[in-house]
Protein backbone atom coordinates (compact mmCIF):
# COMPACT_ATOMS: atom_id res chain seq x y z
CA UNK A 1 153.60 66.79 65.86
CA UNK A 2 149.52 67.25 65.12
CA UNK A 3 148.98 63.86 67.05
CA UNK A 4 151.24 65.12 70.23
CA UNK A 5 148.91 68.22 70.39
CA UNK A 6 145.70 66.42 70.34
CA UNK A 7 146.50 64.21 73.02
CA UNK A 8 147.68 66.86 75.17
CA UNK A 9 144.41 68.63 74.48
CA UNK A 10 142.33 65.63 75.64
CA UNK A 11 144.33 65.02 78.41
CA UNK A 12 143.66 68.08 79.77
CA UNK A 13 139.86 68.17 79.01
CA UNK A 14 139.48 64.88 80.73
CA UNK A 15 141.53 66.27 84.14
CA UNK A 16 139.15 69.42 83.84
CA UNK A 17 136.06 67.23 83.72
CA UNK A 18 137.28 65.41 86.83
CA UNK A 19 137.71 68.60 88.70
CA UNK A 20 134.69 69.71 88.16
CA UNK A 21 132.72 66.26 89.02
CA UNK A 22 134.56 66.34 92.22
CA UNK A 23 133.76 69.92 93.06
CA UNK A 24 129.92 69.30 92.21
CA UNK A 25 129.54 72.99 90.87
CA UNK A 26 125.62 73.85 90.32
CA UNK A 27 126.14 75.13 86.94
CA UNK A 28 127.88 73.74 84.13
CA UNK A 29 131.10 75.74 83.50
CA UNK A 30 132.22 77.14 80.06
CA UNK A 31 135.44 76.25 78.45
CA UNK A 32 136.80 79.01 76.66
CA UNK A 33 139.97 78.49 74.38
CA UNK A 34 141.97 81.19 73.31
CA UNK A 35 144.19 80.26 70.44
CA UNK A 36 147.61 82.12 69.82
CA UNK A 37 149.83 81.75 66.69
CA UNK A 38 152.95 83.16 66.04
CA UNK A 39 155.04 83.65 63.44
CA UNK A 40 158.12 82.38 64.97
CA UNK A 41 156.43 79.34 66.49
CA UNK A 42 155.01 76.59 64.74
CA UNK A 43 152.87 74.79 67.90
CA UNK A 44 149.57 75.81 68.85
CA UNK A 45 148.69 76.78 72.57
CA UNK A 46 145.41 76.06 74.21
CA UNK A 47 144.91 77.41 77.66
CA UNK A 48 141.43 76.20 79.27
CA UNK A 49 139.74 79.15 81.11
CA UNK A 50 136.93 78.67 83.64
CA UNK A 51 134.06 81.22 84.03
CA UNK A 52 131.53 80.75 86.65
CA UNK A 53 129.59 84.18 86.67
CA UNK A 54 126.71 84.97 84.10
CA UNK A 55 127.90 86.97 81.19
CA UNK A 56 126.32 90.72 81.19
CA UNK A 57 123.60 90.27 78.92
CA UNK A 58 122.27 86.93 80.54
CA UNK A 59 122.00 88.72 84.34
CA UNK A 60 118.58 89.46 83.79
CA UNK A 61 116.44 87.08 81.61
CA UNK A 62 112.96 88.61 80.14
CA UNK A 63 111.11 86.17 81.90
CA UNK A 64 111.27 84.35 85.42
CA UNK A 65 109.74 81.08 86.22
CA UNK A 66 106.90 80.87 88.94
CA UNK A 67 106.14 78.72 91.98
CA UNK A 68 103.47 77.12 89.77
CA UNK A 69 105.80 76.16 87.10
CA UNK A 70 104.49 78.55 84.35
CA UNK A 71 106.42 81.67 83.14
CA UNK A 72 105.14 85.04 83.01
CA UNK A 73 106.39 88.21 81.15
CA UNK A 74 108.30 91.01 83.04
CA UNK A 75 107.97 94.61 82.19
CA UNK A 76 105.61 97.14 81.05
CA UNK A 77 104.04 94.88 78.52
CA UNK A 78 102.27 91.76 80.28
CA UNK A 79 100.29 89.28 78.37
CA UNK A 80 96.97 88.33 80.49
CA UNK A 81 95.09 85.27 79.69
CA UNK A 82 91.48 86.17 77.95
CA UNK A 83 88.83 85.41 79.52
CA UNK A 84 86.64 83.37 77.43
CA UNK A 85 83.08 84.20 79.30
CA UNK A 86 83.45 87.97 78.62
CA UNK A 87 84.52 87.70 74.92
CA UNK A 88 81.73 87.11 72.24
CA UNK A 89 82.02 83.59 70.64
CA UNK A 90 83.43 83.70 67.28
CA UNK A 91 81.36 81.84 64.66
CA UNK A 92 83.15 78.68 63.20
CA UNK A 93 82.18 78.10 59.85
CA UNK A 94 82.72 74.44 58.95
CA UNK A 95 81.21 74.60 55.11
CA UNK A 96 80.08 76.85 52.55
CA UNK A 97 76.39 76.18 53.42
CA UNK A 98 77.24 77.95 56.87
CA UNK A 99 78.36 81.11 54.90
CA UNK A 100 75.56 81.15 52.77
CA UNK A 101 72.66 80.83 55.36
CA UNK A 102 74.61 84.05 57.54
CA UNK A 103 74.23 86.48 54.48
CA UNK A 104 71.11 84.90 53.88
CA UNK A 105 69.77 85.37 57.16
CA UNK A 106 71.35 89.13 57.45
CA UNK A 107 69.51 89.92 53.99
CA UNK A 108 66.17 88.60 54.87
CA UNK A 109 66.49 91.18 58.07
CA UNK A 110 66.74 93.87 55.83
CA UNK A 111 63.96 93.01 53.40
CA UNK A 112 61.24 94.14 55.66
CA UNK A 113 62.24 97.49 55.98
CA UNK A 114 63.74 98.06 52.49
CA UNK A 115 61.35 96.62 50.41
CA UNK A 116 58.18 98.99 50.90
CA UNK A 117 60.69 101.59 50.30
CA UNK A 118 61.47 100.66 46.64
CA UNK A 119 57.62 101.00 46.01
CA UNK A 120 56.98 103.99 48.51
CA UNK A 121 59.76 106.06 47.39
CA UNK A 122 58.82 106.25 43.61
CA UNK A 123 55.28 106.16 44.47
CA UNK A 124 55.61 109.70 46.69
CA UNK A 125 57.80 111.03 43.98
CA UNK A 126 55.22 110.30 41.21
CA UNK A 127 52.19 111.72 43.49
CA UNK A 128 54.06 115.07 44.05
CA UNK A 129 55.53 116.01 41.02
CA UNK A 130 53.80 114.30 37.68
CA UNK A 131 50.42 114.47 39.56
CA UNK A 132 49.92 118.18 40.25
CA UNK A 133 51.92 119.47 36.99
CA UNK A 134 49.79 116.99 34.02
CA UNK A 135 46.25 116.38 35.79
CA UNK A 136 46.00 119.16 38.50
CA UNK A 137 43.91 122.06 36.24
CA UNK A 138 45.82 125.53 36.52
CA UNK A 139 42.93 127.59 36.07
CA UNK A 140 42.00 126.38 39.46
CA UNK A 141 45.91 127.30 41.15
CA UNK A 142 47.05 130.29 38.79
CA UNK A 143 45.31 133.25 39.77
CA UNK A 144 46.87 135.47 37.10
CA UNK A 145 50.18 137.37 36.40
CA UNK A 146 50.55 138.66 40.15
CA UNK A 147 52.11 137.87 43.22
CA UNK A 148 49.26 135.43 44.36
CA UNK A 149 49.71 133.67 40.78
CA UNK A 150 53.42 133.29 41.65
CA UNK A 151 53.08 132.05 45.21
CA UNK A 152 50.38 129.42 43.81
CA UNK A 153 52.89 127.78 41.64
CA UNK A 154 56.00 127.96 43.96
CA UNK A 155 53.55 126.06 46.17
CA UNK A 156 53.14 123.67 44.01
CA UNK A 157 57.13 123.13 43.25
CA UNK A 158 57.17 123.41 47.06
CA UNK A 159 55.03 119.92 47.53
CA UNK A 160 57.19 118.45 44.45
CA UNK A 161 60.68 119.64 46.83
CA UNK A 162 59.03 117.82 49.84
CA UNK A 163 58.51 114.36 47.88
CA UNK A 164 61.94 114.37 46.27
CA UNK A 165 63.52 114.82 49.57
CA UNK A 166 61.62 112.20 51.14
CA UNK A 167 62.47 110.32 47.87
CA UNK A 168 66.51 111.11 48.47
CA UNK A 169 66.27 110.36 52.10
CA UNK A 170 64.52 106.41 51.11
CA UNK A 171 67.12 106.09 48.59
CA UNK A 172 69.91 106.81 51.02
CA UNK A 173 68.57 104.45 53.36
CA UNK A 174 68.79 101.37 50.92
CA UNK A 175 71.95 102.26 49.56
CA UNK A 176 74.10 103.27 52.35
CA UNK A 177 76.35 100.54 53.59
CA UNK A 178 75.04 99.32 57.19
CA UNK A 179 78.79 99.11 58.23
CA UNK A 180 79.37 103.02 57.43
CA UNK A 181 76.87 105.12 58.27
CA UNK A 182 78.54 108.50 57.92
CA UNK A 183 79.98 108.51 54.57
CA UNK A 184 79.72 106.54 51.54
CA UNK A 185 80.28 106.59 47.71
CA UNK A 186 79.42 104.63 44.97
CA UNK A 187 82.54 102.72 43.73
CA UNK A 188 85.14 105.63 44.71
CA UNK A 189 85.34 109.22 45.38
CA UNK A 190 82.78 111.43 43.45
CA UNK A 191 84.90 112.71 40.06
CA UNK A 192 85.97 116.51 40.09
CA UNK A 193 85.03 116.74 36.23
CA UNK A 194 81.21 115.21 37.40
CA UNK A 195 80.97 118.25 40.04
CA UNK A 196 82.51 120.80 37.62
CA UNK A 197 79.94 119.74 35.09
CA UNK A 198 76.83 119.77 36.96
CA UNK A 199 77.67 123.21 38.50
CA UNK A 200 78.34 124.50 34.71
CA UNK A 201 75.12 123.36 33.52
CA UNK A 202 73.23 124.57 36.72
CA UNK A 203 74.62 128.14 36.39
CA UNK A 204 74.26 128.73 32.71
CA UNK A 205 70.69 127.27 32.92
CA UNK A 206 70.32 129.95 35.80
CA UNK A 207 72.02 132.85 33.97
CA UNK A 208 70.31 132.61 30.84
CA UNK A 209 66.78 133.76 32.32
CA UNK A 210 68.75 136.63 34.31
CA UNK A 211 70.25 137.87 31.04
CA UNK A 212 66.59 137.54 29.09
CA UNK A 213 64.94 139.53 32.32
CA UNK A 214 68.06 142.13 31.80
CA UNK A 215 67.60 142.68 28.18
CA UNK A 216 63.82 143.18 28.76
CA UNK A 217 64.26 145.77 30.95
CA UNK A 218 66.48 147.49 28.66
CA UNK A 219 64.06 147.07 25.80
CA UNK A 220 67.13 145.16 23.93
CA UNK A 221 64.13 142.74 23.34
CA UNK A 222 60.79 143.79 22.02
CA UNK A 223 57.92 143.62 23.30
CA UNK A 224 58.48 144.32 26.86
CA UNK A 225 57.77 141.77 29.61
CA UNK A 226 56.53 142.93 32.51
CA UNK A 227 58.26 141.67 35.91
CA UNK A 228 55.14 139.90 37.15
CA UNK A 229 54.73 137.89 33.91
CA UNK A 230 58.33 137.36 34.12
CA UNK A 231 58.10 135.44 37.60
CA UNK A 232 55.47 133.74 36.68
CA UNK A 233 57.37 132.18 34.09
CA UNK A 234 60.57 131.47 35.21
CA UNK A 235 60.23 132.49 39.29
CA UNK A 236 59.66 128.79 40.47
CA UNK A 237 61.98 127.72 37.77
CA UNK A 238 64.82 129.97 39.35
CA UNK A 239 63.87 129.35 43.01
CA UNK A 240 63.62 125.20 42.46
CA UNK A 241 66.89 125.23 40.36
CA UNK A 242 68.93 126.90 43.13
CA UNK A 243 67.69 124.05 45.57
CA UNK A 244 68.87 121.36 43.31
CA UNK A 245 72.11 123.33 43.31
CA UNK A 246 72.16 123.06 46.98
CA UNK A 247 70.96 119.98 47.33
CA UNK A 248 73.79 118.60 45.28
CA UNK A 249 76.55 120.26 47.09
CA UNK A 250 75.22 118.84 50.57
CA UNK A 251 74.96 115.52 48.65
CA UNK A 252 78.92 115.59 47.43
CA UNK A 253 79.78 116.71 51.31
CA UNK A 254 78.14 114.08 52.51
CA UNK A 255 78.70 111.37 50.52
CA UNK A 256 75.59 110.11 50.04
CA UNK A 257 74.92 107.25 47.58
CA UNK A 258 71.95 109.39 45.95
CA UNK A 259 74.68 111.75 44.65
CA UNK A 260 74.06 110.21 41.31
CA UNK A 261 70.56 110.45 40.93
CA UNK A 262 69.59 113.63 42.54
CA UNK A 263 70.27 115.89 39.41
CA UNK A 264 68.06 113.25 37.32
CA UNK A 265 65.11 113.98 39.90
CA UNK A 266 65.26 117.47 39.78
CA UNK A 267 65.86 117.79 35.84
CA UNK A 268 63.35 115.37 35.30
CA UNK A 269 60.75 117.44 36.70
CA UNK A 270 62.28 121.05 35.62
CA UNK A 271 61.39 119.66 31.87
CA UNK A 272 57.70 119.50 33.26
CA UNK A 273 58.25 122.86 34.89
CA UNK A 274 59.14 124.55 31.90
CA UNK A 275 56.37 123.09 29.78
CA UNK A 276 53.95 124.58 32.12
CA UNK A 277 55.28 127.88 31.81
CA UNK A 278 55.03 127.43 27.86
CA UNK A 279 51.62 126.61 28.56
CA UNK A 280 51.08 129.84 31.00
CA UNK A 281 52.62 131.84 28.43
CA UNK A 282 49.22 132.02 26.27
CA UNK A 283 47.27 132.93 29.35
CA UNK A 284 49.31 135.98 30.27
CA UNK A 285 49.92 137.08 26.29
CA UNK A 286 53.92 136.53 26.63
CA UNK A 287 55.94 137.65 23.62
CA UNK A 288 57.01 135.46 21.16
CA UNK A 289 60.94 135.55 22.19
CA UNK A 290 59.98 134.66 25.31
CA UNK A 291 58.05 131.55 24.30
CA UNK A 292 60.90 130.70 21.97
CA UNK A 293 63.29 130.78 25.26
CA UNK A 294 61.23 128.80 27.23
CA UNK A 295 61.42 126.28 24.51
CA UNK A 296 65.00 126.49 24.24
CA UNK A 297 65.12 125.84 27.87
CA UNK A 298 63.48 122.84 27.60
CA UNK A 299 65.75 121.57 24.94
CA UNK A 300 68.79 122.24 27.12
CA UNK A 301 67.56 120.36 30.05
CA UNK A 302 66.71 117.64 27.97
CA UNK A 303 69.81 117.33 26.50
CA UNK A 304 71.71 117.66 29.94
CA UNK A 305 69.20 115.15 31.47
CA UNK A 306 70.27 112.49 28.61
CA UNK A 307 73.98 113.42 29.30
CA UNK A 308 73.22 112.70 32.88
CA UNK A 309 71.71 109.37 32.11
CA UNK A 310 74.52 108.58 30.38
CA UNK A 311 77.06 109.26 32.98
CA UNK A 312 74.57 107.55 35.78
CA UNK A 313 75.62 104.01 33.05
CA UNK A 314 78.82 105.04 32.97
CA UNK A 315 79.81 105.33 36.63
CA UNK A 316 77.88 102.30 37.47
CA UNK A 317 79.63 99.99 35.19
CA UNK A 318 83.17 101.18 36.52
CA UNK A 319 83.08 98.46 39.27
CA UNK A 320 82.49 95.66 37.03
CA UNK A 321 85.58 96.98 34.21
CA UNK A 322 87.80 97.20 37.22
CA UNK A 323 87.04 93.79 38.06
CA UNK A 324 87.12 92.26 34.69
């Protein structure tokens, strides 16, 4: 029975091919075989079916041939050829030596501008901060415990602040990557603990002199210290501390690479500023409790400066620890 079925199928296929060859149809027909089985019948029937029309999903092809023999994509997304004359040339590196030469050339282009900043920035900071405080005689600047004396001391601190601003701008220009001119951070975003610690130390250093002034005005601390004498000793200190807090918040907001260096610059000068206040305390006959308070502030800010330097080393070593 199986041999008879196969012979019938071969004969029907041969007849079908002969008829199609004689008719000369343009497209090859599709032979669909339907197999029907029955539980009662034991034989299998095959019936050929000719299909001359395209199936619905083949009616519209996503491409159509052009006259030149090419093909274009139909629809909204048309693939256009890239004009090699308008596009910039992409460098092809054949060896590691080519990569090293490109990197060294870009580095050499930045050297003529950055090497003077590495020397000019610290020199400006030294000339505006240390030289007027240590080598300038205060007798030629300080005019006594009055408004003129306070303004003369504030003028020295303003000179330092201008030098510190120039130094931070140069450090920002040297440390900011060329690719991102808007925002940058050292390794990652600025830690929240770092912000809280810096703001807490600055606020505490700002509140302690105000508490001393309030206690002196209420006669809690004896002998009484006049307001003008208090402003001579701690007025420039409070003003520069507020400028430091503002500078730190701006560097955090702009994500400048100098956010880690700005507190060190101002805290280093603050120690010199308080030491100048201790030397002026003898000229205005300040009470002993005020001198001891100034010494306590010097000790406090040296401790804060040491912690700040430890934090700089810690945050600078984070990328190396993550790589290892």
